[in-house]
PDB file of N, CA and C in Angstrom:
ATOM      1  N   VAL A   1       0.788  -1.159  -0.093  1.00  0.00           N
ATOM      2  CA  VAL A   1      -0.001   0.070  -0.022  1.00  0.00           C
ATOM      3  C   VAL A   1       0.885   1.240   0.151  1.00  0.00           C
ATOM      4  N   ALA A   2       1.838   1.095   0.877  1.00  0.00           N
ATOM      5  CA  ALA A   2       2.692   2.302   0.728  1.00  0.00           C
ATOM      6  C   ALA A   2       3.422   2.714  -0.651  1.00  0.00           C
ATOM      7  N   ALA A   3       3.509   1.736  -1.561  1.00  0.00           N
ATOM      8  CA  ALA A   3       3.995   2.116  -2.925  1.00  0.00           C
ATOM      9  C   ALA A   3       2.730   2.564  -3.742  1.00  0.00           C
ATOM     10  N   LEU A   4       1.536   2.279  -3.424  1.00  0.00           N
ATOM     11  CA  LEU A   4       0.336   2.675  -4.044  1.00  0.00           C
ATOM     12  C   LEU A   4      -0.178   4.125  -3.606  1.00  0.00           C
ATOM     13  N   VAL A   5       0.183   4.667  -2.479  1.00  0.00           N
ATOM     14  CA  VAL A   5      -0.492   5.995  -1.809  1.00  0.00           C
ATOM     15  C   VAL A   5       0.771   6.695  -1.475  1.00  0.00           C
ATOM     16  N   GLU A   6       0.943   7.938  -2.032  1.00  0.00           N
ATOM     17  CA  GLU A   6       2.046   8.631  -1.889  1.00  0.00           C
ATOM     18  C   GLU A   6       1.930   9.263  -0.329  1.00  0.00           C
ATOM     19  N   GLY A   7       3.090   9.400   0.312  1.00  0.00           N
ATOM     20  CA  GLY A   7       2.979   9.926   1.747  1.00  0.00           C
ATOM     21  C   GLY A   7       2.538   8.859   3.036  1.00  0.00           C
ATOM     22  N   VAL A   8       2.433   7.596   2.360  1.00  0.00           N
ATOM     23  CA  VAL A   8       2.141   6.662   3.470  1.00  0.00           C
ATOM     24  C   VAL A   8       3.295   5.633   3.926  1.00  0.00           C
ATOM     25  N   SER A   9       3.459   5.492   5.096  1.00  0.00           N
ATOM     26  CA  SER A   9       4.429   4.689   5.509  1.00  0.00           C
ATOM     27  C   SER A   9       3.939   3.457   6.326  1.00  0.00           C
ATOM     28  N   THR A  10       4.936   2.397   6.597  1.00  0.00           N
ATOM     29  CA  THR A  10       4.374   1.250   7.411  1.00  0.00           C
ATOM     30  C   THR A  10       5.210   1.212   8.585  1.00  0.00           C
ATOM     31  N   GLU A  11       5.916   2.360   8.844  1.00  0.00           N
ATOM     32  CA  GLU A  11       6.475   2.410  10.202  1.00  0.00           C
ATOM     33  C   GLU A  11       6.409   3.467  10.831  1.00  0.00           C
ATOM     34  N   LEU A  12       6.595   3.483  12.153  1.00  0.00           N
ATOM     35  CA  LEU A  12       6.540   4.713  12.856  1.00  0.00           C
ATOM     36  C   LEU A  12       7.790   5.109  13.803  1.00  0.00           C
ATOM     37  N   PRO A  13       8.633   5.959  13.178  1.00  0.00           N
ATOM     38  CA  PRO A  13       9.873   6.112  13.500  1.00  0.00           C
ATOM     39  C   PRO A  13       9.837   6.671  14.971  1.00  0.00           C
ATOM     40  N   ALA A  14      11.005   6.789  15.833  1.00  0.00           N
ATOM     41  CA  ALA A  14      11.005   7.408  17.150  1.00  0.00           C
ATOM     42  C   ALA A  14      10.670   8.940  17.055  1.00  0.00           C
ATOM     43  N   THR A  15      11.019   9.851  16.110  1.00  0.00           N
ATOM     44  CA  THR A  15      10.591  11.196  15.728  1.00  0.00           C
ATOM     45  C   THR A  15      10.163  11.203  14.386  1.00  0.00           C
ATOM     46  N   PHE A  16       9.249  12.084  14.179  1.00  0.00           N
ATOM     47  CA  PHE A  16       8.544  12.204  12.872  1.00  0.00           C
ATOM     48  C   PHE A  16       7.947  13.439  12.649  1.00  0.00           C
ATOM     49  N   ALA A  17       7.826  13.890  11.492  1.00  0.00           N
ATOM     50  CA  ALA A  17       7.101  15.434  11.294  1.00  0.00           C
ATOM     51  C   ALA A  17       5.655  14.840  10.861  1.00  0.00           C
ATOM     52  N   VAL A  18       4.752  15.764  11.365  1.00  0.00           N
ATOM     53  CA  VAL A  18       3.324  15.706  11.314  1.00  0.00           C
ATOM     54  C   VAL A  18       2.822  16.353   9.987  1.00  0.00           C
ATOM     55  N   PRO A  19       1.774  16.049   9.190  1.00  0.00           N
ATOM     56  CA  PRO A  19       1.093  14.787   9.829  1.00  0.00           C
ATOM     57  C   PRO A  19       1.893  13.483   9.255  1.00  0.00           C
ATOM     58  N   TRP A  20       1.664  12.472   9.863  1.00  0.00           N
ATOM     59  CA  TRP A  20       2.357  11.420   9.635  1.00  0.00           C
ATOM     60  C   TRP A  20       1.143  10.176   9.446  1.00  0.00           C
ATOM     61  N   VAL A  21       1.407   9.400   8.450  1.00  0.00           N
ATOM     62  CA  VAL A  21       0.432   8.286   8.051  1.00  0.00           C
ATOM     63  C   VAL A  21       1.044   7.010   8.223  1.00  0.00           C
ATOM     64  N   ARG A  22       0.341   5.977   8.888  1.00  0.00           N
ATOM     65  CA  ARG A  22       0.910   4.793   8.889  1.00  0.00           C
ATOM     66  C   ARG A  22      -0.097   3.768   8.473  1.00  0.00           C
ATOM     67  N   VAL A  23       0.089   2.828   7.661  1.00  0.00           N
ATOM     68  CA  VAL A  23      -0.910   1.962   7.262  1.00  0.00           C
ATOM     69  C   VAL A  23      -0.145   0.429   7.531  1.00  0.00           C
ATOM     70  N   VAL A  24      -0.678  -0.433   8.140  1.00  0.00           N
ATOM     71  CA  VAL A  24      -0.267  -1.748   8.482  1.00  0.00           C
ATOM     72  C   VAL A  24      -1.180  -2.809   7.981  1.00  0.00           C
ATOM     73  N   LEU A  25      -0.740  -3.766   7.591  1.00  0.00           N
ATOM     74  CA  LEU A  25      -1.620  -4.984   7.315  1.00  0.00           C
ATOM     75  C   LEU A  25      -1.983  -5.594   8.741  1.00  0.00           C
ATOM     76  N   GLN A  26      -3.077  -5.841   8.882  1.00  0.00           N
ATOM     77  CA  GLN A  26      -3.668  -6.562  10.261  1.00  0.00           C
ATOM     78  C   GLN A  26      -3.211  -7.879  10.199  1.00  0.00           C
ATOM     79  N   PRO A  27      -2.731  -8.461  11.062  1.00  0.00           N
ATOM     80  CA  PRO A  27      -2.464  -9.880  11.218  1.00  0.00           C
ATOM     81  C   PRO A  27      -3.680 -10.848  10.824  1.00  0.00           C
ATOM     82  N   GLY A  28      -3.334 -12.001   9.990  1.00  0.00           N
ATOM     83  CA  GLY A  28      -4.406 -12.877   9.726  1.00  0.00           C
ATOM     84  C   GLY A  28      -5.531 -12.297   8.699  1.00  0.00           C
ATOM     85  N   SER A  29      -5.197 -11.337   8.159  1.00  0.00           N
ATOM     86  CA  SER A  29      -6.127 -10.579   7.178  1.00  0.00           C
ATOM     87  C   SER A  29      -6.213 -11.003   5.859  1.00  0.00           C
ATOM     88  N   THR A  30      -5.178 -11.663   5.333  1.00  0.00           N
ATOM     89  CA  THR A  30      -5.071 -12.213   4.109  1.00  0.00           C
ATOM     90  C   THR A  30      -5.820 -13.593   3.779  1.00  0.00           C
ATOM     91  N   GLN A  31      -6.891 -13.541   3.009  1.00  0.00           N
ATOM     92  CA  GLN A  31      -7.618 -14.746   2.800  1.00  0.00           C
ATOM     93  C   GLN A  31      -7.667 -14.793   1.169  1.00  0.00           C
ATOM     94  N   ALA A  32      -7.508 -16.105   0.734  1.00  0.00           N
ATOM     95  CA  ALA A  32      -7.476 -16.589  -0.608  1.00  0.00           C
ATOM     96  C   ALA A  32      -8.714 -17.155  -0.946  1.00  0.00           C
ATOM     97  N   ASP A  33      -9.427 -16.849  -1.765  1.00  0.00           N
ATOM     98  CA  ASP A  33     -10.660 -17.486  -2.372  1.00  0.00           C
ATOM     99  C   ASP A  33     -10.382 -17.908  -3.841  1.00  0.00           C
ATOM    100  N   GLY A  34     -10.895 -19.324  -4.139  1.00  0.00           N
ATOM    101  CA  GLY A  34     -10.580 -19.805  -5.538  1.00  0.00           C
ATOM    102  C   GLY A  34      -9.752 -20.980  -5.433  1.00  0.00           C
ATOM    103  N   ASP A  35      -9.566 -21.834  -6.539  1.00  0.00           N
ATOM    104  CA  ASP A  35      -8.986 -23.104  -6.691  1.00  0.00           C
ATOM    105  C   ASP A  35      -7.717 -22.954  -7.594  1.00  0.00           C
ATOM    106  N   HIS A  36      -7.542 -21.771  -8.108  1.00  0.00           N
ATOM    107  CA  HIS A  36      -6.291 -21.669  -9.033  1.00  0.00           C
ATOM    108  C   HIS A  36      -5.176 -20.894  -8.249  1.00  0.00           C
ATOM    109  N   GLU A  37      -3.964 -21.190  -8.285  1.00  0.00           N
ATOM    110  CA  GLU A  37      -2.891 -20.391  -7.501  1.00  0.00           C
ATOM    111  C   GLU A  37      -2.771 -19.112  -8.275  1.00  0.00           C
ATOM    112  N   ASP A  38      -3.033 -18.894  -9.475  1.00  0.00           N
ATOM    113  CA  ASP A  38      -2.873 -17.702 -10.051  1.00  0.00           C
ATOM    114  C   ASP A  38      -3.978 -16.851 -10.209  1.00  0.00           C
ATOM    115  N   HIS A  39      -5.112 -17.112  -9.701  1.00  0.00           N
ATOM    116  CA  HIS A  39      -6.360 -16.449  -9.983  1.00  0.00           C
ATOM    117  C   HIS A  39      -7.102 -16.395  -8.579  1.00  0.00           C
ATOM    118  N   ARG A  40      -6.469 -15.817  -7.507  1.00  0.00           N
ATOM    119  CA  ARG A  40      -6.999 -15.741  -6.203  1.00  0.00           C
ATOM    120  C   ARG A  40      -7.397 -14.136  -5.884  1.00  0.00           C
ATOM    121  N   LEU A  41      -8.593 -14.321  -5.059  1.00  0.00           N
ATOM    122  CA  LEU A  41      -8.975 -13.146  -4.551  1.00  0.00           C
ATOM    123  C   LEU A  41      -8.508 -12.911  -3.123  1.00  0.00           C
ATOM    124  N   HIS A  42      -7.695 -11.829  -2.739  1.00  0.00           N
ATOM    125  CA  HIS A  42      -7.235 -11.731  -1.420  1.00  0.00           C
ATOM    126  C   HIS A  42      -8.067 -10.634  -0.724  1.00  0.00           C
ATOM    127  N   ARG A  43      -8.155 -10.741   0.437  1.00  0.00           N
ATOM    128  CA  ARG A  43      -8.915  -9.532   1.138  1.00  0.00           C
ATOM    129  C   ARG A  43      -7.770  -9.186   2.352  1.00  0.00           C
ATOM    130  N   TYR A  44      -7.621  -7.994   2.224  1.00  0.00           N
ATOM    131  CA  TYR A  44      -6.517  -7.353   3.234  1.00  0.00           C
ATOM    132  C   TYR A  44      -7.122  -6.281   4.116  1.00  0.00           C
ATOM    133  N   ARG A  45      -7.084  -6.421   5.420  1.00  0.00           N
ATOM    134  CA  ARG A  45      -7.503  -5.608   6.290  1.00  0.00           C
ATOM    135  C   ARG A  45      -6.478  -4.500   6.757  1.00  0.00           C
ATOM    136  N   LEU A  46      -6.538  -3.321   6.615  1.00  0.00           N
ATOM    137  CA  LEU A  46      -5.358  -2.362   6.623  1.00  0.00           C
ATOM    138  C   LEU A  46      -5.762  -1.389   8.063  1.00  0.00           C
ATOM    139  N   ALA A  47      -4.894  -1.483   8.965  1.00  0.00           N
ATOM    140  CA  ALA A  47      -4.842  -0.531  10.126  1.00  0.00           C
ATOM    141  C   ALA A  47      -4.459   0.687   9.687  1.00  0.00           C
ATOM    142  N   VAL A  48      -5.194   1.907   9.552  1.00  0.00           N
ATOM    143  CA  VAL A  48      -4.678   3.218   9.126  1.00  0.00           C
ATOM    144  C   VAL A  48      -4.741   4.160  10.303  1.00  0.00           C
ATOM    145  N   GLU A  49      -3.410   4.642  10.606  1.00  0.00           N
ATOM    146  CA  GLU A  49      -3.363   5.788  11.742  1.00  0.00           C
ATOM    147  C   GLU A  49      -2.911   6.925  11.161  1.00  0.00           C
ATOM    148  N   VAL A  50      -3.228   8.136  11.842  1.00  0.00           N
ATOM    149  CA  VAL A  50      -2.788   9.471  11.225  1.00  0.00           C
ATOM    150  C   VAL A  50      -2.522  10.192  12.617  1.00  0.00           C
ATOM    151  N   TRP A  51      -1.254  10.784  12.508  1.00  0.00           N
ATOM    152  CA  TRP A  51      -1.053  11.756  13.613  1.00  0.00           C
ATOM    153  C   TRP A  51      -0.744  13.069  13.077  1.00  0.00           C
ATOM    154  N   ASP A  52      -1.340  14.119  13.685  1.00  0.00           N
ATOM    155  CA  ASP A  52      -1.190  15.663  13.475  1.00  0.00           C
ATOM    156  C   ASP A  52      -1.320  16.487  14.931  1.00  0.00           C
ATOM    157  N   ARG A  53      -0.868  17.764  14.586  1.00  0.00           N
ATOM    158  CA  ARG A  53      -0.951  18.620  15.833  1.00  0.00           C
ATOM    159  C   ARG A  53      -2.234  18.773  16.403  1.00  0.00           C
ATOM    160  N   SER A  54      -3.280  18.825  15.619  1.00  0.00           N
ATOM    161  CA  SER A  54      -4.809  19.024  16.323  1.00  0.00           C
ATOM    162  C   SER A  54      -5.587  17.992  15.610  1.00  0.00           C
ATOM    163  N   LYS A  55      -6.815  17.723  16.442  1.00  0.00           N
ATOM    164  CA  LYS A  55      -7.684  16.845  15.955  1.00  0.00           C
ATOM    165  C   LYS A  55      -8.266  17.222  14.697  1.00  0.00           C
ATOM    166  N   GLU A  56      -8.577  18.448  14.494  1.00  0.00           N
ATOM    167  CA  GLU A  56      -8.840  18.856  13.199  1.00  0.00           C
ATOM    168  C   GLU A  56      -8.088  18.621  12.083  1.00  0.00           C
ATOM    169  N   SER A  57      -6.834  18.734  12.227  1.00  0.00           N
ATOM    170  CA  SER A  57      -5.867  18.363  11.168  1.00  0.00           C
ATOM    171  C   SER A  57      -5.565  16.916  10.897  1.00  0.00           C
ATOM    172  N   ALA A  58      -5.622  16.128  12.059  1.00  0.00           N
ATOM    173  CA  ALA A  58      -5.395  14.866  11.861  1.00  0.00           C
ATOM    174  C   ALA A  58      -6.918  14.144  11.365  1.00  0.00           C
ATOM    175  N   ARG A  59      -7.860  14.829  11.594  1.00  0.00           N
ATOM    176  CA  ARG A  59      -9.099  14.270  10.842  1.00  0.00           C
ATOM    177  C   ARG A  59      -9.203  14.718   9.316  1.00  0.00           C
ATOM    178  N   ALA A  60      -8.475  15.758   8.990  1.00  0.00           N
ATOM    179  CA  ALA A  60      -8.438  16.090   7.726  1.00  0.00           C
ATOM    180  C   ALA A  60      -7.442  15.080   6.883  1.00  0.00           C
ATOM    181  N   ALA A  61      -6.452  14.982   7.598  1.00  0.00           N
ATOM    182  CA  ALA A  61      -5.418  13.997   6.970  1.00  0.00           C
ATOM    183  C   ALA A  61      -5.850  12.584   6.782  1.00  0.00           C
ATOM    184  N   MET A  62      -6.837  12.005   7.789  1.00  0.00           N
ATOM    185  CA  MET A  62      -7.402  10.888   7.671  1.00  0.00           C
ATOM    186  C   MET A  62      -8.525  10.853   6.436  1.00  0.00           C
ATOM    187  N   THR A  63      -8.970  11.696   6.413  1.00  0.00           N
ATOM    188  CA  THR A  63     -10.043  11.871   5.263  1.00  0.00           C
ATOM    189  C   THR A  63      -9.377  11.823   4.051  1.00  0.00           C
ATOM    190  N   ALA A  64      -8.252  12.538   3.780  1.00  0.00           N
ATOM    191  CA  ALA A  64      -7.476  12.612   2.444  1.00  0.00           C
ATOM    192  C   ALA A  64      -6.736  11.031   2.187  1.00  0.00           C
ATOM    193  N   THR A  65      -6.389  10.338   3.348  1.00  0.00           N
ATOM    194  CA  THR A  65      -5.744   8.934   3.236  1.00  0.00           C
ATOM    195  C   THR A  65      -6.909   8.145   2.787  1.00  0.00           C
ATOM    196  N   ALA A  66      -7.979   8.094   3.551  1.00  0.00           N
ATOM    197  CA  ALA A  66      -9.000   7.109   3.287  1.00  0.00           C
ATOM    198  C   ALA A  66      -9.610   7.442   2.073  1.00  0.00           C
ATOM    199  N   ASP A  67      -9.804   8.526   1.389  1.00  0.00           N
ATOM    200  CA  ASP A  67     -10.123   8.918   0.152  1.00  0.00           C
ATOM    201  C   ASP A  67      -8.922   8.304  -0.983  1.00  0.00           C
ATOM    202  N   ALA A  68      -7.864   8.302  -0.639  1.00  0.00           N
ATOM    203  CA  ALA A  68      -6.881   7.865  -1.604  1.00  0.00           C
ATOM    204  C   ALA A  68      -6.968   6.290  -1.491  1.00  0.00           C
ATOM    205  N   LEU A  69      -6.997   5.660  -0.379  1.00  0.00           N
ATOM    206  CA  LEU A  69      -7.172   4.211  -0.438  1.00  0.00           C
ATOM    207  C   LEU A  69      -8.496   3.739  -1.135  1.00  0.00           C
ATOM    208  N   LEU A  70      -9.631   4.378  -0.844  1.00  0.00           N
ATOM    209  CA  LEU A  70     -10.893   4.035  -1.618  1.00  0.00           C
ATOM    210  C   LEU A  70     -10.894   4.333  -3.025  1.00  0.00           C
ATOM    211  N   ALA A  71      -9.995   5.165  -3.577  1.00  0.00           N
ATOM    212  CA  ALA A  71      -9.806   5.245  -4.963  1.00  0.00           C
ATOM    213  C   ALA A  71      -8.880   4.366  -5.753  1.00  0.00           C
ATOM    214  N   LEU A  72      -8.414   3.232  -4.861  1.00  0.00           N
ATOM    215  CA  LEU A  72      -7.448   2.367  -5.440  1.00  0.00           C
ATOM    216  C   LEU A  72      -8.005   1.209  -6.506  1.00  0.00           C
ATOM    217  N   PRO A  73      -9.360   0.990  -6.389  1.00  0.00           N
ATOM    218  CA  PRO A  73      -9.619  -0.147  -7.379  1.00  0.00           C
ATOM    219  C   PRO A  73      -9.241   0.333  -8.801  1.00  0.00           C
ATOM    220  N   GLY A  74      -8.819  -0.824  -9.447  1.00  0.00           N
ATOM    221  CA  GLY A  74      -8.239  -0.595 -10.654  1.00  0.00           C
ATOM    222  C   GLY A  74      -6.923  -1.552 -10.714  1.00  0.00           C
ATOM    223  N   ALA A  75      -6.301  -1.456 -12.109  1.00  0.00           N
ATOM    224  CA  ALA A  75      -4.968  -2.215 -12.264  1.00  0.00           C
ATOM    225  C   ALA A  75      -3.842  -1.588 -11.550  1.00  0.00           C
ATOM    226  N   HIS A  76      -2.989  -2.457 -10.937  1.00  0.00           N
ATOM    227  CA  HIS A  76      -1.703  -1.915 -10.281  1.00  0.00           C
ATOM    228  C   HIS A  76      -0.683  -3.157 -10.638  1.00  0.00           C
ATOM    229  N   ALA A  77       0.546  -2.655 -10.289  1.00  0.00           N
ATOM    230  CA  ALA A  77       1.568  -3.833 -10.439  1.00  0.00           C
ATOM    231  C   ALA A  77       1.255  -4.909  -9.554  1.00  0.00           C
ATOM    232  N   GLY A  78       1.297  -6.212  -9.985  1.00  0.00           N
ATOM    233  CA  GLY A  78       1.034  -7.198  -9.319  1.00  0.00           C
ATOM    234  C   GLY A  78      -0.333  -7.849  -8.988  1.00  0.00           C
ATOM    235  N   GLY A  79      -1.340  -6.780  -9.479  1.00  0.00           N
ATOM    236  CA  GLY A  79      -2.680  -7.197  -9.238  1.00  0.00           C
ATOM    237  C   GLY A  79      -3.588  -6.191  -9.578  1.00  0.00           C
ATOM    238  N   TYR A  80      -5.014  -6.576  -9.303  1.00  0.00           N
ATOM    239  CA  TYR A  80      -6.086  -5.766  -9.860  1.00  0.00           C
ATOM    240  C   TYR A  80      -6.923  -5.429  -8.489  1.00  0.00           C
ATOM    241  N   VAL A  81      -7.054  -4.373  -7.947  1.00  0.00           N
ATOM    242  CA  VAL A  81      -7.807  -3.922  -6.834  1.00  0.00           C
ATOM    243  C   VAL A  81      -9.222  -3.970  -7.292  1.00  0.00           C
ATOM    244  N   THR A  82     -10.150  -4.984  -6.736  1.00  0.00           N
ATOM    245  CA  THR A  82     -11.441  -4.951  -7.142  1.00  0.00           C
ATOM    246  C   THR A  82     -12.539  -4.239  -6.201  1.00  0.00           C
ATOM    247  N   GLY A  83     -11.955  -3.917  -5.047  1.00  0.00           N
ATOM    248  CA  GLY A  83     -12.685  -3.177  -4.116  1.00  0.00           C
ATOM    249  C   GLY A  83     -11.931  -2.530  -2.991  1.00  0.00           C
ATOM    250  N   ALA A  84     -12.412  -1.666  -2.380  1.00  0.00           N
ATOM    251  CA  ALA A  84     -12.051  -0.888  -1.278  1.00  0.00           C
ATOM    252  C   ALA A  84     -13.007  -0.325  -0.386  1.00  0.00           C
ATOM    253  N   THR A  85     -13.162  -0.748   0.744  1.00  0.00           N
ATOM    254  CA  THR A  85     -14.208  -0.247   1.786  1.00  0.00           C
ATOM    255  C   THR A  85     -13.705   0.228   3.281  1.00  0.00           C
ATOM    256  N   LEU A  86     -14.244   1.079   3.779  1.00  0.00           N
ATOM    257  CA  LEU A  86     -14.007   1.516   4.983  1.00  0.00           C
ATOM    258  C   LEU A  86     -14.984   0.822   5.846  1.00  0.00           C
ATOM    259  N   GLU A  87     -14.236   0.193   6.739  1.00  0.00           N
ATOM    260  CA  GLU A  87     -14.972  -0.668   7.906  1.00  0.00           C
ATOM    261  C   GLU A  87     -15.386   0.179   9.067  1.00  0.00           C
ATOM    262  N   GLY A  88     -16.388   0.750   9.201  1.00  0.00           N
ATOM    263  CA  GLY A  88     -16.792   1.745  10.282  1.00  0.00           C
ATOM    264  C   GLY A  88     -16.364   3.018   9.992  1.00  0.00           C
ATOM    265  N   LEU A  89     -16.412   4.011  10.915  1.00  0.00           N
ATOM    266  CA  LEU A  89     -15.767   5.346  10.617  1.00  0.00           C
ATOM    267  C   LEU A  89     -14.641   5.497  11.383  1.00  0.00           C
ATOM    268  N   PRO A  90     -13.859   6.534  10.896  1.00  0.00           N
ATOM    269  CA  PRO A  90     -12.436   6.647  11.491  1.00  0.00           C
ATOM    270  C   PRO A  90     -12.855   7.337  13.109  1.00  0.00           C
ATOM    271  N   TYR A  91     -12.050   7.022  13.882  1.00  0.00           N
ATOM    272  CA  TYR A  91     -12.080   7.758  15.134  1.00  0.00           C
ATOM    273  C   TYR A  91     -11.052   8.054  15.831  1.00  0.00           C
ATOM    274  N   TRP A  92     -11.137   9.277  16.794  1.00  0.00           N
ATOM    275  CA  TRP A  92     -10.012   9.799  17.342  1.00  0.00           C
ATOM    276  C   TRP A  92      -9.518   8.905  18.482  1.00  0.00           C
ATOM    277  N   LEU A  93      -8.258   8.838  18.621  1.00  0.00           N
ATOM    278  CA  LEU A  93      -7.708   7.773  19.655  1.00  0.00           C
ATOM    279  C   LEU A  93      -6.399   8.599  20.108  1.00  0.00           C
ATOM    280  N   PRO A  94      -6.395   9.255  21.323  1.00  0.00           N
ATOM    281  CA  PRO A  94      -5.222   9.776  21.722  1.00  0.00           C
ATOM    282  C   PRO A  94      -4.040   8.955  21.822  1.00  0.00           C
ATOM    283  N   ASP A  95      -2.901   9.551  21.420  1.00  0.00           N
ATOM    284  CA  ASP A  95      -1.795   8.590  21.561  1.00  0.00           C
ATOM    285  C   ASP A  95      -0.942   9.042  22.870  1.00  0.00           C
ATOM    286  N   PRO A  96      -0.882   8.052  23.812  1.00  0.00           N
ATOM    287  CA  PRO A  96      -0.414   8.356  25.122  1.00  0.00           C
ATOM    288  C   PRO A  96       1.277   8.562  25.177  1.00  0.00           C
ATOM    289  N   ASP A  97       1.875   8.312  23.962  1.00  0.00           N
ATOM    290  CA  ASP A  97       3.322   8.486  24.066  1.00  0.00           C
ATOM    291  C   ASP A  97       3.788   9.849  23.603  1.00  0.00           C
ATOM    292  N   ASP A  98       2.872  10.684  22.982  1.00  0.00           N
ATOM    293  CA  ASP A  98       3.204  12.164  22.505  1.00  0.00           C
ATOM    294  C   ASP A  98       1.999  13.116  22.735  1.00  0.00           C
ATOM    295  N   ASP A  99       2.124  14.315  22.316  1.00  0.00           N
ATOM    296  CA  ASP A  99       1.186  15.204  22.527  1.00  0.00           C
ATOM    297  C   ASP A  99       0.357  15.248  21.041  1.00  0.00           C
ATOM    298  N   TYR A 100       0.681  14.386  20.224  1.00  0.00           N
ATOM    299  CA  TYR A 100      -0.246  14.546  18.979  1.00  0.00           C
ATOM    300  C   TYR A 100      -1.524  13.948  19.003  1.00  0.00           C
ATOM    301  N   ALA A 101      -2.429  14.472  18.023  1.00  0.00           N
ATOM    302  CA  ALA A 101      -3.641  14.006  17.926  1.00  0.00           C
ATOM    303  C   ALA A 101      -3.593  12.793  17.036  1.00  0.00           C
ATOM    304  N   ARG A 102      -4.474  11.757  17.082  1.00  0.00           N
ATOM    305  CA  ARG A 102      -4.190  10.496  16.283  1.00  0.00           C
ATOM    306  C   ARG A 102      -5.687  10.072  15.874  1.00  0.00           C
ATOM    307  N   TYR A 103      -6.150   9.728  14.742  1.00  0.00           N
ATOM    308  CA  TYR A 103      -7.206   9.069  14.105  1.00  0.00           C
ATOM    309  C   TYR A 103      -6.749   7.676  13.563  1.00  0.00           C
ATOM    310  N   VAL A 104      -7.766   6.930  13.718  1.00  0.00           N
ATOM    311  CA  VAL A 104      -7.613   5.470  13.556  1.00  0.00           C
ATOM    312  C   VAL A 104      -8.694   4.959  12.624  1.00  0.00           C
ATOM    313  N   ALA A 105      -8.343   4.067  11.695  1.00  0.00           N
ATOM    314  CA  ALA A 105      -9.549   3.597  10.636  1.00  0.00           C
ATOM    315  C   ALA A 105      -9.041   2.240  10.225  1.00  0.00           C
ATOM    316  N   THR A 106      -9.944   1.191   9.754  1.00  0.00           N
ATOM    317  CA  THR A 106      -9.655   0.024   9.139  1.00  0.00           C
ATOM    318  C   THR A 106     -10.381   0.194   7.693  1.00  0.00           C
ATOM    319  N   VAL A 107      -9.676  -0.307   6.645  1.00  0.00           N
ATOM    320  CA  VAL A 107      -9.859  -0.374   5.332  1.00  0.00           C
ATOM    321  C   VAL A 107      -9.677  -1.637   4.981  1.00  0.00           C
ATOM    322  N   ALA A 108     -10.627  -2.207   4.118  1.00  0.00           N
ATOM    323  CA  ALA A 108     -10.545  -3.413   3.694  1.00  0.00           C
ATOM    324  C   ALA A 108     -10.180  -3.262   1.976  1.00  0.00           C
ATOM    325  N   LEU A 109      -9.224  -3.965   1.616  1.00  0.00           N
ATOM    326  CA  LEU A 109      -8.930  -4.022   0.122  1.00  0.00           C
ATOM    327  C   LEU A 109      -9.109  -5.421  -0.413  1.00  0.00           C
ATOM    328  N   HIS A 110      -9.697  -5.551  -1.616  1.00  0.00           N
ATOM    329  CA  HIS A 110     -10.050  -6.846  -2.278  1.00  0.00           C
ATOM    330  C   HIS A 110      -9.101  -6.882  -3.455  1.00  0.00           C
ATOM    331  N   LEU A 111      -8.188  -7.782  -3.731  1.00  0.00           N
ATOM    332  CA  LEU A 111      -7.203  -7.910  -4.801  1.00  0.00           C
ATOM    333  C   LEU A 111      -7.016  -9.185  -5.378  1.00  0.00           C
ATOM    334  N   HIS A 112      -7.046  -9.031  -6.689  1.00  0.00           N
ATOM    335  CA  HIS A 112      -6.703 -10.123  -7.392  1.00  0.00           C
ATOM    336  C   HIS A 112      -5.288 -10.238  -7.677  1.00  0.00           C
ATOM    337  N   ALA A 113      -4.510 -11.075  -7.421  1.00  0.00           N
ATOM    338  CA  ALA A 113      -3.080 -11.213  -7.622  1.00  0.00           C
ATOM    339  C   ALA A 113      -2.744 -11.723  -8.900  1.00  0.00           C
ATOM    340  N   PHE A 114      -1.903 -11.125  -9.564  1.00  0.00           N
ATOM    341  CA  PHE A 114      -1.332 -11.557 -10.919  1.00  0.00           C
ATOM    342  C   PHE A 114      -0.330 -12.823 -10.765  1.00  0.00           C
TER     343      PHE A 114
END
């Protein structure tokens, strides 16, 4: 996903500039449907986190990130994204380790791997 959406990271460094967006594949989220090794439909659940200086700016960054992920359906290197859905609504979750505002969401991607 980091390669598909500009400005997205899969890491959270010790220090970072805000807004910071991290997208992480949730464990056990990959499912393959189908009988053929080369024609599988995979479902990925992605944890999306956005940090910024205020709740308003973090919410705006989350909206932009969610919009970018939901716009992924189509052909990409290595596969074809058949669908993208937001599971529930993004919600505010204060980060206990710093003074930044954080919004969290879950996005599901459906992908046919080539």
